[in-house]
Amino acid sequence: MSDVPKFASEAEEADWLYENREKIENEFVEAIQNGSVRRGILSPQQMRELVSVDVAREDFTKAGELADAAGVERTTFMREIFHLALQKRRVG
């Protein structure tokens, strides 16, 4: 689906997904039927990039609020602040 817009918030994304649910479902069924759907396939590079980090719910919620205010996705925002914190603490 190439016509998915950028969303200013998770609520806006949820609304768009709800409004377009039939189109999304039809495209998904078509992709299953023509064999273009793949499940659970990540490249070795993508697998190296995926990590799980325990974060306090309060921090996770605050990060979501700040991401929404900045107009970016929560994961993008968290990745950026993690990187900035590492740069700040870098020794040498």
N, C-alpha and C. Protein backbone atom coordinates (compact mmCIF):
# COMPACT_ATOMS: atom_id res chain seq x y z
N MET A 1 0.86 -1.16 0.00
CA MET A 1 0.00 0.00 0.00
C MET A 1 0.91 1.23 0.00
N SER A 2 0.98 1.89 -1.11
CA SER A 2 1.93 2.99 -1.25
C SER A 2 1.34 4.36 -0.94
N ASP A 3 0.03 4.44 -0.73
CA ASP A 3 -0.59 5.74 -0.50
C ASP A 3 -0.91 5.99 0.97
N VAL A 4 -0.10 5.40 1.87
CA VAL A 4 -0.29 5.62 3.30
C VAL A 4 0.38 6.94 3.66
N PRO A 5 -0.39 7.87 4.23
CA PRO A 5 0.18 9.18 4.57
C PRO A 5 1.02 9.12 5.85
N LYS A 6 1.77 10.17 6.12
CA LYS A 6 2.46 10.33 7.40
C LYS A 6 1.41 10.86 8.38
N PHE A 7 1.49 10.39 9.61
CA PHE A 7 0.49 10.77 10.60
C PHE A 7 1.11 11.65 11.68
N ALA A 8 0.33 12.61 12.16
CA ALA A 8 0.80 13.52 13.21
C ALA A 8 0.68 12.88 14.59
N SER A 9 -0.16 11.85 14.70
CA SER A 9 -0.35 11.20 16.00
C SER A 9 -0.83 9.77 15.80
N GLU A 10 -0.75 8.99 16.86
CA GLU A 10 -1.25 7.62 16.79
C GLU A 10 -2.77 7.62 16.60
N ALA A 11 -3.45 8.61 17.17
CA ALA A 11 -4.91 8.70 17.01
C ALA A 11 -5.28 8.95 15.55
N GLU A 12 -4.52 9.82 14.89
CA GLU A 12 -4.77 10.09 13.47
C GLU A 12 -4.54 8.84 12.64
N GLU A 13 -3.48 8.10 12.98
CA GLU A 13 -3.20 6.85 12.27
C GLU A 13 -4.32 5.84 12.49
N ALA A 14 -4.80 5.73 13.72
CA ALA A 14 -5.88 4.80 14.03
C ALA A 14 -7.15 5.15 13.24
N ASP A 15 -7.46 6.44 13.18
CA ASP A 15 -8.63 6.89 12.41
C ASP A 15 -8.49 6.52 10.94
N TRP A 16 -7.30 6.76 10.37
CA TRP A 16 -7.07 6.46 8.96
C TRP A 16 -7.20 4.96 8.71
N LEU A 17 -6.61 4.15 9.59
CA LEU A 17 -6.70 2.70 9.43
C LEU A 17 -8.14 2.23 9.49
N TYR A 18 -8.93 2.80 10.40
CA TYR A 18 -10.34 2.41 10.51
C TYR A 18 -11.10 2.79 9.25
N GLU A 19 -10.88 4.01 8.77
CA GLU A 19 -11.59 4.49 7.59
C GLU A 19 -11.21 3.71 6.33
N ASN A 20 -10.01 3.16 6.30
CA ASN A 20 -9.51 2.46 5.11
C ASN A 20 -9.43 0.95 5.31
N ARG A 21 -10.10 0.42 6.33
CA ARG A 21 -9.95 -0.99 6.68
C ARG A 21 -10.36 -1.93 5.56
N GLU A 22 -11.41 -1.61 4.81
CA GLU A 22 -11.84 -2.50 3.73
C GLU A 22 -10.80 -2.52 2.60
N LYS A 23 -10.28 -1.36 2.25
CA LYS A 23 -9.26 -1.29 1.21
C LYS A 23 -8.01 -2.07 1.63
N ILE A 24 -7.60 -1.90 2.89
CA ILE A 24 -6.43 -2.60 3.40
C ILE A 24 -6.66 -4.11 3.37
N GLU A 25 -7.83 -4.52 3.82
CA GLU A 25 -8.16 -5.95 3.82
C GLU A 25 -8.15 -6.52 2.41
N ASN A 26 -8.76 -5.80 1.47
CA ASN A 26 -8.79 -6.27 0.08
C ASN A 26 -7.38 -6.40 -0.51
N GLU A 27 -6.54 -5.42 -0.24
CA GLU A 27 -5.17 -5.47 -0.75
C GLU A 27 -4.39 -6.61 -0.10
N PHE A 28 -4.65 -6.86 1.17
CA PHE A 28 -3.97 -7.95 1.87
C PHE A 28 -4.39 -9.30 1.30
N VAL A 29 -5.69 -9.48 1.10
CA VAL A 29 -6.19 -10.73 0.52
C VAL A 29 -5.61 -10.93 -0.88
N GLU A 30 -5.58 -9.87 -1.66
CA GLU A 30 -5.00 -9.97 -3.00
C GLU A 30 -3.53 -10.36 -2.94
N ALA A 31 -2.79 -9.77 -2.01
CA ALA A 31 -1.36 -10.08 -1.86
C ALA A 31 -1.16 -11.54 -1.45
N ILE A 32 -2.05 -12.05 -0.59
CA ILE A 32 -1.97 -13.46 -0.20
C ILE A 32 -2.21 -14.34 -1.42
N GLN A 33 -3.23 -13.98 -2.20
CA GLN A 33 -3.59 -14.78 -3.36
C GLN A 33 -2.52 -14.77 -4.44
N ASN A 34 -1.85 -13.63 -4.63
CA ASN A 34 -0.84 -13.59 -5.69
C ASN A 34 0.56 -13.95 -5.19
N GLY A 35 0.66 -14.28 -3.89
CA GLY A 35 1.93 -14.76 -3.35
C GLY A 35 2.94 -13.69 -2.99
N SER A 36 2.52 -12.43 -2.95
CA SER A 36 3.49 -11.37 -2.64
C SER A 36 3.60 -11.06 -1.15
N VAL A 37 2.81 -11.74 -0.33
CA VAL A 37 2.91 -11.54 1.12
C VAL A 37 3.95 -12.51 1.67
N ARG A 38 4.80 -11.97 2.53
CA ARG A 38 5.78 -12.81 3.20
C ARG A 38 5.62 -12.57 4.69
N ARG A 39 5.88 -13.59 5.46
CA ARG A 39 5.65 -13.49 6.89
C ARG A 39 6.93 -13.82 7.65
N GLY A 40 7.30 -12.92 8.56
CA GLY A 40 8.42 -13.18 9.45
C GLY A 40 9.78 -13.24 8.79
N ILE A 41 9.96 -12.54 7.69
CA ILE A 41 11.24 -12.60 6.99
C ILE A 41 11.97 -11.28 7.20
N LEU A 42 13.09 -11.34 7.93
CA LEU A 42 13.93 -10.18 8.14
C LEU A 42 15.33 -10.48 7.63
N SER A 43 15.95 -9.49 7.08
CA SER A 43 17.33 -9.68 6.66
C SER A 43 18.22 -9.77 7.89
N PRO A 44 19.43 -10.34 7.76
CA PRO A 44 20.35 -10.37 8.90
C PRO A 44 20.62 -8.97 9.45
N GLN A 45 20.68 -7.96 8.59
CA GLN A 45 20.91 -6.58 9.04
C GLN A 45 19.73 -6.11 9.90
N GLN A 46 18.52 -6.39 9.47
CA GLN A 46 17.36 -5.98 10.25
C GLN A 46 17.32 -6.71 11.59
N MET A 47 17.69 -7.98 11.62
CA MET A 47 17.69 -8.74 12.85
C MET A 47 18.69 -8.16 13.85
N ARG A 48 19.82 -7.70 13.38
CA ARG A 48 20.82 -7.10 14.26
C ARG A 48 20.32 -5.79 14.84
N GLU A 49 19.43 -5.11 14.13
CA GLU A 49 18.97 -3.80 14.56
C GLU A 49 17.81 -3.87 15.54
N LEU A 50 17.14 -5.00 15.64
CA LEU A 50 16.00 -5.12 16.53
C LEU A 50 16.45 -5.50 17.93
N VAL A 51 16.06 -4.70 18.91
CA VAL A 51 16.36 -4.99 20.31
C VAL A 51 15.13 -4.72 21.14
N SER A 52 15.13 -5.23 22.33
CA SER A 52 14.04 -4.99 23.27
C SER A 52 14.63 -4.36 24.51
N VAL A 53 14.00 -3.29 24.98
CA VAL A 53 14.48 -2.58 26.16
C VAL A 53 13.31 -2.38 27.11
N ASP A 54 13.50 -2.75 28.37
CA ASP A 54 12.47 -2.49 29.37
C ASP A 54 12.49 -1.00 29.71
N VAL A 55 11.32 -0.39 29.62
CA VAL A 55 11.17 1.04 29.90
C VAL A 55 9.99 1.20 30.85
N ALA A 56 10.15 2.03 31.85
CA ALA A 56 9.05 2.29 32.78
C ALA A 56 7.86 2.84 31.99
N ARG A 57 6.66 2.39 32.33
CA ARG A 57 5.46 2.83 31.61
C ARG A 57 5.35 4.35 31.60
N GLU A 58 5.69 4.98 32.71
CA GLU A 58 5.62 6.44 32.79
C GLU A 58 6.55 7.09 31.75
N ASP A 59 7.76 6.54 31.60
CA ASP A 59 8.70 7.07 30.60
C ASP A 59 8.19 6.81 29.18
N PHE A 60 7.62 5.63 28.96
CA PHE A 60 7.10 5.27 27.66
C PHE A 60 5.95 6.21 27.26
N THR A 61 5.08 6.47 28.23
CA THR A 61 3.95 7.38 27.99
C THR A 61 4.45 8.78 27.68
N LYS A 62 5.40 9.27 28.47
CA LYS A 62 5.94 10.61 28.26
C LYS A 62 6.61 10.71 26.89
N ALA A 63 7.35 9.67 26.51
CA ALA A 63 8.00 9.66 25.19
C ALA A 63 6.96 9.74 24.09
N GLY A 64 5.84 9.06 24.26
CA GLY A 64 4.75 9.12 23.27
C GLY A 64 4.17 10.51 23.17
N GLU A 65 3.99 11.15 24.31
CA GLU A 65 3.45 12.53 24.31
C GLU A 65 4.42 13.49 23.60
N LEU A 66 5.71 13.35 23.92
CA LEU A 66 6.71 14.22 23.30
C LEU A 66 6.84 13.94 21.80
N ALA A 67 6.73 12.67 21.41
CA ALA A 67 6.79 12.31 19.99
C ALA A 67 5.61 12.92 19.24
N ASP A 68 4.42 12.82 19.83
CA ASP A 68 3.23 13.42 19.21
C ASP A 68 3.41 14.92 19.05
N ALA A 69 3.93 15.57 20.10
CA ALA A 69 4.14 17.02 20.05
C ALA A 69 5.16 17.39 18.97
N ALA A 70 6.13 16.51 18.75
CA ALA A 70 7.16 16.77 17.74
C ALA A 70 6.71 16.35 16.35
N GLY A 71 5.60 15.62 16.28
CA GLY A 71 5.08 15.17 14.98
C GLY A 71 5.85 14.02 14.38
N VAL A 72 6.43 13.16 15.24
CA VAL A 72 7.17 12.00 14.76
C VAL A 72 6.62 10.74 15.43
N GLU A 73 6.95 9.60 14.88
CA GLU A 73 6.51 8.34 15.47
C GLU A 73 7.27 8.10 16.77
N ARG A 74 6.62 7.41 17.69
CA ARG A 74 7.23 7.15 19.00
C ARG A 74 8.56 6.43 18.88
N THR A 75 8.63 5.39 18.04
CA THR A 75 9.89 4.65 17.94
C THR A 75 11.01 5.52 17.36
N THR A 76 10.68 6.36 16.41
CA THR A 76 11.67 7.27 15.84
C THR A 76 12.17 8.22 16.91
N PHE A 77 11.23 8.76 17.69
CA PHE A 77 11.59 9.69 18.76
C PHE A 77 12.48 9.01 19.80
N MET A 78 12.10 7.81 20.22
CA MET A 78 12.88 7.10 21.23
C MET A 78 14.27 6.74 20.72
N ARG A 79 14.36 6.34 19.47
CA ARG A 79 15.66 6.04 18.87
C ARG A 79 16.55 7.27 18.88
N GLU A 80 15.95 8.42 18.55
CA GLU A 80 16.72 9.67 18.51
C GLU A 80 17.20 10.09 19.89
N ILE A 81 16.33 10.03 20.90
CA ILE A 81 16.77 10.47 22.23
C ILE A 81 17.79 9.49 22.82
N PHE A 82 17.66 8.22 22.49
CA PHE A 82 18.65 7.23 22.93
C PHE A 82 20.01 7.55 22.32
N HIS A 83 20.03 7.84 21.04
CA HIS A 83 21.27 8.19 20.34
C HIS A 83 21.89 9.45 20.93
N LEU A 84 21.06 10.47 21.16
CA LEU A 84 21.56 11.73 21.74
C LEU A 84 22.14 11.51 23.14
N ALA A 85 21.48 10.69 23.94
CA ALA A 85 21.98 10.40 25.29
C ALA A 85 23.34 9.70 25.22
N LEU A 86 23.48 8.77 24.29
CA LEU A 86 24.77 8.09 24.12
C LEU A 86 25.87 9.04 23.68
N GLN A 87 25.54 9.95 22.77
CA GLN A 87 26.52 10.94 22.33
C GLN A 87 26.95 11.83 23.49
N LYS A 88 26.01 12.22 24.31
CA LYS A 88 26.29 13.10 25.44
C LYS A 88 27.21 12.41 26.45
N ARG A 89 27.02 11.12 26.65
CA ARG A 89 27.80 10.36 27.62
C ARG A 89 29.09 9.77 27.07
N ARG A 90 29.30 9.89 25.78
CA ARG A 90 30.46 9.28 25.14
C ARG A 90 31.75 9.82 25.77
N VAL A 91 32.64 8.91 26.10
CA VAL A 91 33.92 9.29 26.70
C VAL A 91 35.00 9.24 25.63
N GLY A 92 35.87 10.25 25.65
CA GLY A 92 37.00 10.24 24.73
C GLY A 92 36.66 10.99 23.52
